PDB file of N, CA and C in Angstrom:
ATOM      1  N   UNK A   1      -7.553 -24.123  -7.090  1.00  0.00           N
ATOM      2  CA  UNK A   1      -7.518 -24.044  -6.051  1.00  0.00           C
ATOM      3  C   UNK A   1      -6.877 -23.074  -4.826  1.00  0.00           C
ATOM      4  N   UNK A   2      -7.405 -23.061  -3.012  1.00  0.00           N
ATOM      5  CA  UNK A   2      -6.891 -21.410  -3.079  1.00  0.00           C
ATOM      6  C   UNK A   2      -5.568 -21.876  -2.655  1.00  0.00           C
ATOM      7  N   UNK A   3      -4.304 -20.151  -2.030  1.00  0.00           N
ATOM      8  CA  UNK A   3      -3.724 -20.955  -1.417  1.00  0.00           C
ATOM      9  C   UNK A   3      -3.676 -19.872  -0.183  1.00  0.00           C
ATOM     10  N   UNK A   4      -2.709 -20.233   0.595  1.00  0.00           N
ATOM     11  CA  UNK A   4      -2.580 -20.081   2.013  1.00  0.00           C
ATOM     12  C   UNK A   4      -2.734 -19.139   2.111  1.00  0.00           C
ATOM     13  N   UNK A   5      -3.093 -17.969   2.418  1.00  0.00           N
ATOM     14  CA  UNK A   5      -3.437 -16.757   1.747  1.00  0.00           C
ATOM     15  C   UNK A   5      -3.967 -16.213   1.932  1.00  0.00           C
ATOM     16  N   UNK A   6      -4.909 -16.563   0.319  1.00  0.00           N
ATOM     17  CA  UNK A   6      -6.273 -16.515  -0.073  1.00  0.00           C
ATOM     18  C   UNK A   6      -7.150 -15.394   1.540  1.00  0.00           C
ATOM     19  N   UNK A   7      -7.933 -15.083   0.526  1.00  0.00           N
ATOM     20  CA  UNK A   7      -8.582 -14.513   1.946  1.00  0.00           C
ATOM     21  C   UNK A   7     -10.433 -13.324   1.299  1.00  0.00           C
ATOM     22  N   UNK A   8     -11.392 -13.855   2.344  1.00  0.00           N
ATOM     23  CA  UNK A   8     -12.764 -13.749   1.726  1.00  0.00           C
ATOM     24  C   UNK A   8     -13.193 -12.805   2.115  1.00  0.00           C
ATOM     25  N   UNK A   9     -13.899 -11.756   2.524  1.00  0.00           N
ATOM     26  CA  UNK A   9     -14.995 -10.927   2.532  1.00  0.00           C
ATOM     27  C   UNK A   9     -16.633 -11.374   2.634  1.00  0.00           C
ATOM     28  N   UNK A  10     -17.177 -11.738   3.756  1.00  0.00           N
ATOM     29  CA  UNK A  10     -18.874 -12.169   3.792  1.00  0.00           C
ATOM     30  C   UNK A  10     -19.184 -11.764   4.532  1.00  0.00           C
ATOM     31  N   UNK A  11     -20.658 -11.493   4.712  1.00  0.00           N
ATOM     32  CA  UNK A  11     -20.793 -10.898   5.274  1.00  0.00           C
ATOM     33  C   UNK A  11     -22.055 -11.977   6.651  1.00  0.00           C
ATOM     34  N   UNK A  12     -21.979 -11.665   7.463  1.00  0.00           N
ATOM     35  CA  UNK A  12     -22.384 -12.919   8.760  1.00  0.00           C
ATOM     36  C   UNK A  12     -23.296 -12.479   9.301  1.00  0.00           C
ATOM     37  N   UNK A  13     -24.404 -12.449  10.408  1.00  0.00           N
ATOM     38  CA  UNK A  13     -25.111 -12.310  10.692  1.00  0.00           C
ATOM     39  C   UNK A  13     -24.512 -11.543  11.753  1.00  0.00           C
ATOM     40  N   UNK A  14     -23.741 -11.287  12.569  1.00  0.00           N
ATOM     41  CA  UNK A  14     -23.350 -10.810  13.533  1.00  0.00           C
ATOM     42  C   UNK A  14     -22.585  -9.339  12.682  1.00  0.00           C
ATOM     43  N   UNK A  15     -21.948  -9.717  11.156  1.00  0.00           N
ATOM     44  CA  UNK A  15     -21.623  -8.269  10.601  1.00  0.00           C
ATOM     45  C   UNK A  15     -20.698  -8.875   9.406  1.00  0.00           C
ATOM     46  N   UNK A  16     -19.734  -8.613   9.396  1.00  0.00           N
ATOM     47  CA  UNK A  16     -18.845  -8.375   7.762  1.00  0.00           C
ATOM     48  C   UNK A  16     -17.537  -9.645   8.670  1.00  0.00           C
ATOM     49  N   UNK A  17     -17.520 -10.386   8.309  1.00  0.00           N
ATOM     50  CA  UNK A  17     -15.911 -11.557   8.557  1.00  0.00           C
ATOM     51  C   UNK A  17     -14.882 -11.228   7.110  1.00  0.00           C
ATOM     52  N   UNK A  18     -14.178 -11.305   7.851  1.00  0.00           N
ATOM     53  CA  UNK A  18     -12.695 -11.188   7.425  1.00  0.00           C
ATOM     54  C   UNK A  18     -12.493 -12.891   7.456  1.00  0.00           C
ATOM     55  N   UNK A  19     -12.619 -13.501   5.940  1.00  0.00           N
ATOM     56  CA  UNK A  19     -11.359 -15.062   6.810  1.00  0.00           C
ATOM     57  C   UNK A  19     -10.378 -15.324   5.696  1.00  0.00           C
ATOM     58  N   UNK A  20      -9.960 -15.780   6.618  1.00  0.00           N
ATOM     59  CA  UNK A  20      -8.646 -17.161   5.412  1.00  0.00           C
ATOM     60  C   UNK A  20      -9.067 -17.838   5.131  1.00  0.00           C
ATOM     61  N   UNK A  21      -8.744 -18.338   3.966  1.00  0.00           N
ATOM     62  CA  UNK A  21      -9.644 -19.440   3.208  1.00  0.00           C
ATOM     63  C   UNK A  21      -9.329 -20.549   3.677  1.00  0.00           C
ATOM     64  N   UNK A  22      -8.282 -20.704   4.327  1.00  0.00           N
ATOM     65  CA  UNK A  22      -7.941 -22.748   4.664  1.00  0.00           C
ATOM     66  C   UNK A  22      -7.760 -22.171   6.563  1.00  0.00           C
ATOM     67  N   UNK A  23      -8.708 -21.767   6.653  1.00  0.00           N
ATOM     68  CA  UNK A  23      -9.617 -21.290   8.081  1.00  0.00           C
ATOM     69  C   UNK A  23     -11.229 -21.970   8.563  1.00  0.00           C
ATOM     70  N   UNK A  24     -10.512 -21.922  10.300  1.00  0.00           N
ATOM     71  CA  UNK A  24     -12.473 -22.730   9.885  1.00  0.00           C
ATOM     72  C   UNK A  24     -13.255 -21.750  10.839  1.00  0.00           C
ATOM     73  N   UNK A  25     -12.388 -20.270  10.935  1.00  0.00           N
ATOM     74  CA  UNK A  25     -13.251 -19.656  11.646  1.00  0.00           C
ATOM     75  C   UNK A  25     -12.836 -18.180  10.543  1.00  0.00           C
ATOM     76  N   UNK A  26     -13.570 -17.351  10.475  1.00  0.00           N
ATOM     77  CA  UNK A  26     -12.942 -15.911  10.358  1.00  0.00           C
ATOM     78  C   UNK A  26     -12.076 -15.530  11.464  1.00  0.00           C
ATOM     79  N   UNK A  27     -11.288 -14.629  10.866  1.00  0.00           N
ATOM     80  CA  UNK A  27      -9.861 -13.633  12.329  1.00  0.00           C
ATOM     81  C   UNK A  27     -10.569 -13.168  12.683  1.00  0.00           C
ATOM     82  N   UNK A  28     -11.801 -11.841  12.189  1.00  0.00           N
ATOM     83  CA  UNK A  28     -12.305 -11.193  12.985  1.00  0.00           C
ATOM     84  C   UNK A  28     -14.205 -11.063  12.038  1.00  0.00           C
ATOM     85  N   UNK A  29     -14.594 -10.363  13.654  1.00  0.00           N
ATOM     86  CA  UNK A  29     -16.134 -10.000  12.570  1.00  0.00           C
ATOM     87  C   UNK A  29     -16.278  -8.570  12.548  1.00  0.00           C
ATOM     88  N   UNK A  30     -16.235  -7.321  11.296  1.00  0.00           N
ATOM     89  CA  UNK A  30     -16.250  -6.040  11.672  1.00  0.00           C
ATOM     90  C   UNK A  30     -17.819  -5.395  11.608  1.00  0.00           C
ATOM     91  N   UNK A  31     -17.866  -4.272  11.170  1.00  0.00           N
ATOM     92  CA  UNK A  31     -19.678  -3.760  11.662  1.00  0.00           C
ATOM     93  C   UNK A  31     -19.548  -2.995   9.731  1.00  0.00           C
ATOM     94  N   UNK A  32     -18.516  -2.677   9.279  1.00  0.00           N
ATOM     95  CA  UNK A  32     -19.555  -2.545   7.547  1.00  0.00           C
ATOM     96  C   UNK A  32     -18.233  -3.824   7.128  1.00  0.00           C
ATOM     97  N   UNK A  33     -18.389  -3.582   5.872  1.00  0.00           N
ATOM     98  CA  UNK A  33     -18.374  -4.440   4.430  1.00  0.00           C
ATOM     99  C   UNK A  33     -17.029  -3.938   3.802  1.00  0.00           C
ATOM    100  N   UNK A  34     -16.637  -2.290   4.194  1.00  0.00           N
ATOM    101  CA  UNK A  34     -15.666  -1.389   3.619  1.00  0.00           C
ATOM    102  C   UNK A  34     -14.044  -1.921   4.875  1.00  0.00           C
ATOM    103  N   UNK A  35     -14.607  -1.789   6.475  1.00  0.00           N
ATOM    104  CA  UNK A  35     -14.139  -2.137   7.099  1.00  0.00           C
ATOM    105  C   UNK A  35     -12.794  -4.011   7.161  1.00  0.00           C
ATOM    106  N   UNK A  36     -13.570  -4.741   6.434  1.00  0.00           N
ATOM    107  CA  UNK A  36     -13.786  -6.125   6.660  1.00  0.00           C
ATOM    108  C   UNK A  36     -12.524  -5.423   5.245  1.00  0.00           C
ATOM    109  N   UNK A  37     -12.724  -5.477   4.413  1.00  0.00           N
ATOM    110  CA  UNK A  37     -12.057  -5.564   3.508  1.00  0.00           C
ATOM    111  C   UNK A  37     -10.932  -4.959   3.251  1.00  0.00           C
ATOM    112  N   UNK A  38     -10.041  -3.405   3.977  1.00  0.00           N
ATOM    113  CA  UNK A  38      -9.693  -2.536   4.659  1.00  0.00           C
ATOM    114  C   UNK A  38      -8.826  -3.980   5.419  1.00  0.00           C
ATOM    115  N   UNK A  39      -8.676  -4.084   6.889  1.00  0.00           N
ATOM    116  CA  UNK A  39      -8.136  -5.475   7.233  1.00  0.00           C
ATOM    117  C   UNK A  39      -7.833  -6.489   6.498  1.00  0.00           C
ATOM    118  N   UNK A  40      -8.395  -7.317   5.819  1.00  0.00           N
ATOM    119  CA  UNK A  40      -8.244  -8.349   4.799  1.00  0.00           C
ATOM    120  C   UNK A  40      -7.108  -7.572   3.894  1.00  0.00           C
ATOM    121  N   UNK A  41      -7.044  -6.501   3.222  1.00  0.00           N
ATOM    122  CA  UNK A  41      -6.153  -6.332   2.014  1.00  0.00           C
ATOM    123  C   UNK A  41      -4.724  -5.819   3.427  1.00  0.00           C
ATOM    124  N   UNK A  42      -5.011  -5.288   4.235  1.00  0.00           N
ATOM    125  CA  UNK A  42      -3.880  -4.899   4.539  1.00  0.00           C
ATOM    126  C   UNK A  42      -2.520  -6.595   5.352  1.00  0.00           C
ATOM    127  N   UNK A  43      -3.994  -7.728   5.873  1.00  0.00           N
ATOM    128  CA  UNK A  43      -3.332  -9.231   6.148  1.00  0.00           C
ATOM    129  C   UNK A  43      -2.857  -9.516   5.151  1.00  0.00           C
ATOM    130  N   UNK A  44      -3.073  -8.888   4.043  1.00  0.00           N
ATOM    131  CA  UNK A  44      -2.811  -9.890   2.890  1.00  0.00           C
ATOM    132  C   UNK A  44      -1.496  -9.632   1.939  1.00  0.00           C
ATOM    133  N   UNK A  45      -1.406  -8.014   2.178  1.00  0.00           N
ATOM    134  CA  UNK A  45       0.008  -6.914   2.029  1.00  0.00           C
ATOM    135  C   UNK A  45       1.680  -7.635   3.143  1.00  0.00           C
ATOM    136  N   UNK A  46       0.902  -7.897   4.730  1.00  0.00           N
ATOM    137  CA  UNK A  46       1.602  -7.815   4.952  1.00  0.00           C
ATOM    138  C   UNK A  46       2.317  -9.415   5.272  1.00  0.00           C
ATOM    139  N   UNK A  47       0.746 -10.113   4.571  1.00  0.00           N
ATOM    140  CA  UNK A  47       1.738 -11.494   5.477  1.00  0.00           C
ATOM    141  C   UNK A  47       2.469 -12.415   3.545  1.00  0.00           C
ATOM    142  N   UNK A  48       2.512 -10.816   2.207  1.00  0.00           N
ATOM    143  CA  UNK A  48       2.959 -11.571   0.907  1.00  0.00           C
ATOM    144  C   UNK A  48       2.086 -11.733   0.072  1.00  0.00           C
ATOM    145  N   UNK A  49       0.516 -11.211  -0.080  1.00  0.00           N
ATOM    146  CA  UNK A  49      -0.090 -10.940  -0.425  1.00  0.00           C
ATOM    147  C   UNK A  49      -0.769 -12.382  -1.193  1.00  0.00           C
ATOM    148  N   UNK A  50      -1.749 -11.859  -1.684  1.00  0.00           N
ATOM    149  CA  UNK A  50      -2.642 -13.150  -2.019  1.00  0.00           C
ATOM    150  C   UNK A  50      -4.096 -12.631  -2.688  1.00  0.00           C
ATOM    151  N   UNK A  51      -5.029 -13.189  -2.653  1.00  0.00           N
ATOM    152  CA  UNK A  51      -6.392 -12.934  -3.366  1.00  0.00           C
ATOM    153  C   UNK A  51      -7.555 -12.741  -2.678  1.00  0.00           C
ATOM    154  N   UNK A  52      -8.013 -12.263  -2.227  1.00  0.00           N
ATOM    155  CA  UNK A  52      -9.106 -10.691  -1.938  1.00  0.00           C
ATOM    156  C   UNK A  52      -9.877 -11.144  -2.618  1.00  0.00           C
ATOM    157  N   UNK A  53     -11.649 -12.226  -1.791  1.00  0.00           N
ATOM    158  CA  UNK A  53     -12.382 -12.543  -2.871  1.00  0.00           C
ATOM    159  C   UNK A  53     -13.398 -11.738  -1.906  1.00  0.00           C
ATOM    160  N   UNK A  54     -14.026 -10.561  -1.950  1.00  0.00           N
ATOM    161  CA  UNK A  54     -15.835  -9.944  -1.528  1.00  0.00           C
ATOM    162  C   UNK A  54     -16.401 -10.640  -1.957  1.00  0.00           C
ATOM    163  N   UNK A  55     -17.652 -10.842  -1.150  1.00  0.00           N
ATOM    164  CA  UNK A  55     -18.861 -11.750  -1.323  1.00  0.00           C
ATOM    165  C   UNK A  55     -19.900 -10.725  -1.282  1.00  0.00           C
ATOM    166  N   UNK A  56     -20.844 -10.489  -1.772  1.00  0.00           N
ATOM    167  CA  UNK A  56     -22.123  -9.614  -1.716  1.00  0.00           C
ATOM    168  C   UNK A  56     -23.727  -9.764  -0.630  1.00  0.00           C
ATOM    169  N   UNK A  57     -23.625  -9.081   0.025  1.00  0.00           N
ATOM    170  CA  UNK A  57     -24.695  -9.446   0.823  1.00  0.00           C
ATOM    171  C   UNK A  57     -25.739 -11.261   1.037  1.00  0.00           C
ATOM    172  N   UNK A  58     -26.184 -10.718  -1.125  1.00  0.00           N
ATOM    173  CA  UNK A  58     -26.549 -12.688  -0.964  1.00  0.00           C
ATOM    174  C   UNK A  58     -25.689 -13.421  -1.224  1.00  0.00           C
ATOM    175  N   UNK A  59     -24.194 -13.570  -0.864  1.00  0.00           N
ATOM    176  CA  UNK A  59     -23.714 -14.342  -0.770  1.00  0.00           C
ATOM    177  C   UNK A  59     -22.611 -14.432  -2.265  1.00  0.00           C
ATOM    178  N   UNK A  60     -23.458 -14.208  -3.138  1.00  0.00           N
ATOM    179  CA  UNK A  60     -22.545 -13.859  -5.110  1.00  0.00           C
ATOM    180  C   UNK A  60     -20.688 -13.247  -4.470  1.00  0.00           C
ATOM    181  N   UNK A  61     -20.325 -13.660  -5.307  1.00  0.00           N
ATOM    182  CA  UNK A  61     -19.065 -13.184  -5.524  1.00  0.00           C
ATOM    183  C   UNK A  61     -19.483 -11.323  -6.318  1.00  0.00           C
ATOM    184  N   UNK A  62     -18.994 -10.202  -5.285  1.00  0.00           N
ATOM    185  CA  UNK A  62     -18.950  -9.185  -6.236  1.00  0.00           C
ATOM    186  C   UNK A  62     -17.307  -9.195  -6.736  1.00  0.00           C
ATOM    187  N   UNK A  63     -16.663  -9.444  -5.989  1.00  0.00           N
ATOM    188  CA  UNK A  63     -15.569  -8.734  -7.061  1.00  0.00           C
ATOM    189  C   UNK A  63     -13.798  -9.753  -6.193  1.00  0.00           C
ATOM    190  N   UNK A  64     -13.332  -9.552  -7.029  1.00  0.00           N
ATOM    191  CA  UNK A  64     -11.607 -10.169  -7.199  1.00  0.00           C
ATOM    192  C   UNK A  64     -10.268  -9.952  -6.881  1.00  0.00           C
ATOM    193  N   UNK A  65      -9.422  -9.561  -5.998  1.00  0.00           N
ATOM    194  CA  UNK A  65      -8.429  -8.280  -6.548  1.00  0.00           C
ATOM    195  C   UNK A  65      -7.032  -9.344  -6.105  1.00  0.00           C
ATOM    196  N   UNK A  66      -5.838  -9.313  -6.653  1.00  0.00           N
ATOM    197  CA  UNK A  66      -5.021  -9.246  -6.463  1.00  0.00           C
ATOM    198  C   UNK A  66      -3.559  -8.798  -5.411  1.00  0.00           C
ATOM    199  N   UNK A  67      -4.077  -8.485  -4.236  1.00  0.00           N
ATOM    200  CA  UNK A  67      -3.576  -7.748  -3.228  1.00  0.00           C
ATOM    201  C   UNK A  67      -1.875  -7.702  -3.525  1.00  0.00           C
ATOM    202  N   UNK A  68      -0.699  -6.347  -3.861  1.00  0.00           N
ATOM    203  CA  UNK A  68      -0.017  -7.031  -3.985  1.00  0.00           C
ATOM    204  C   UNK A  68       1.410  -7.249  -2.171  1.00  0.00           C
ATOM    205  N   UNK A  69       1.885  -8.032  -2.318  1.00  0.00           N
ATOM    206  CA  UNK A  69       2.435  -8.645  -3.395  1.00  0.00           C
ATOM    207  C   UNK A  69       2.822 -10.274  -3.530  1.00  0.00           C
ATOM    208  N   UNK A  70       1.349  -9.964  -4.626  1.00  0.00           N
ATOM    209  CA  UNK A  70       1.209 -11.108  -4.621  1.00  0.00           C
ATOM    210  C   UNK A  70       0.666 -10.829  -6.349  1.00  0.00           C
ATOM    211  N   UNK A  71       0.922 -12.955  -7.186  1.00  0.00           N
ATOM    212  CA  UNK A  71       1.830 -12.391  -8.397  1.00  0.00           C
ATOM    213  C   UNK A  71       0.317 -12.284  -9.422  1.00  0.00           C
ATOM    214  N   UNK A  72       0.016 -11.598  -9.948  1.00  0.00           N
ATOM    215  CA  UNK A  72      -1.652 -12.307 -10.601  1.00  0.00           C
ATOM    216  C   UNK A  72      -1.697 -12.944 -11.680  1.00  0.00           C
ATOM    217  N   UNK A  73      -1.010 -14.568 -12.201  1.00  0.00           N
ATOM    218  CA  UNK A  73      -1.123 -14.808 -13.970  1.00  0.00           C
ATOM    219  C   UNK A  73      -2.008 -14.206 -14.408  1.00  0.00           C
ATOM    220  N   UNK A  74      -2.838 -13.960 -15.040  1.00  0.00           N
ATOM    221  CA  UNK A  74      -3.758 -13.219 -15.679  1.00  0.00           C
ATOM    222  C   UNK A  74      -4.743 -11.657 -14.900  1.00  0.00           C
ATOM    223  N   UNK A  75      -3.605 -10.883 -15.031  1.00  0.00           N
ATOM    224  CA  UNK A  75      -4.102  -9.296 -14.828  1.00  0.00           C
ATOM    225  C   UNK A  75      -5.260  -9.481 -15.601  1.00  0.00           C
ATOM    226  N   UNK A  76      -6.302  -7.936 -15.328  1.00  0.00           N
ATOM    227  CA  UNK A  76      -7.638  -7.288 -15.214  1.00  0.00           C
ATOM    228  C   UNK A  76      -7.144  -7.482 -16.844  1.00  0.00           C
ATOM    229  N   UNK A  77      -8.007  -7.269 -17.698  1.00  0.00           N
ATOM    230  CA  UNK A  77      -7.982  -5.608 -18.695  1.00  0.00           C
ATOM    231  C   UNK A  77      -9.128  -4.580 -18.548  1.00  0.00           C
ATOM    232  N   UNK A  78     -10.317  -5.359 -17.360  1.00  0.00           N
ATOM    233  CA  UNK A  78     -10.783  -3.743 -16.639  1.00  0.00           C
ATOM    234  C   UNK A  78     -10.370  -2.970 -15.449  1.00  0.00           C
ATOM    235  N   UNK A  79     -10.399  -1.907 -15.714  1.00  0.00           N
ATOM    236  CA  UNK A  79      -8.754  -1.124 -14.504  1.00  0.00           C
ATOM    237  C   UNK A  79     -10.839  -0.833 -13.130  1.00  0.00           C
ATOM    238  N   UNK A  80     -11.010  -2.165 -12.731  1.00  0.00           N
ATOM    239  CA  UNK A  80     -11.826  -2.204 -11.238  1.00  0.00           C
ATOM    240  C   UNK A  80     -10.921  -1.799 -10.369  1.00  0.00           C
ATOM    241  N   UNK A  81      -9.404  -2.475 -10.382  1.00  0.00           N
ATOM    242  CA  UNK A  81      -8.899  -1.926  -9.244  1.00  0.00           C
ATOM    243  C   UNK A  81      -7.446  -1.684  -9.387  1.00  0.00           C
TER     244      UNK A  81
END
């Protein structure tokens, strides 16, 4: 289940959306995926941390990361982030 601060970055017709999971509309549309990810990370860090989910152009989940000060209950063993 999604927590209040969790965010998702995904492709739209207008660009890359940075959206809080519990919101009905994206907070902002960015020109590039990198810009959207950076904005989502900054927002998560400022609002107490949470899970950032990044989706590829095809809509499949590409990456998940816990942004501090959020606490990851099951930290990954891989070194992606």
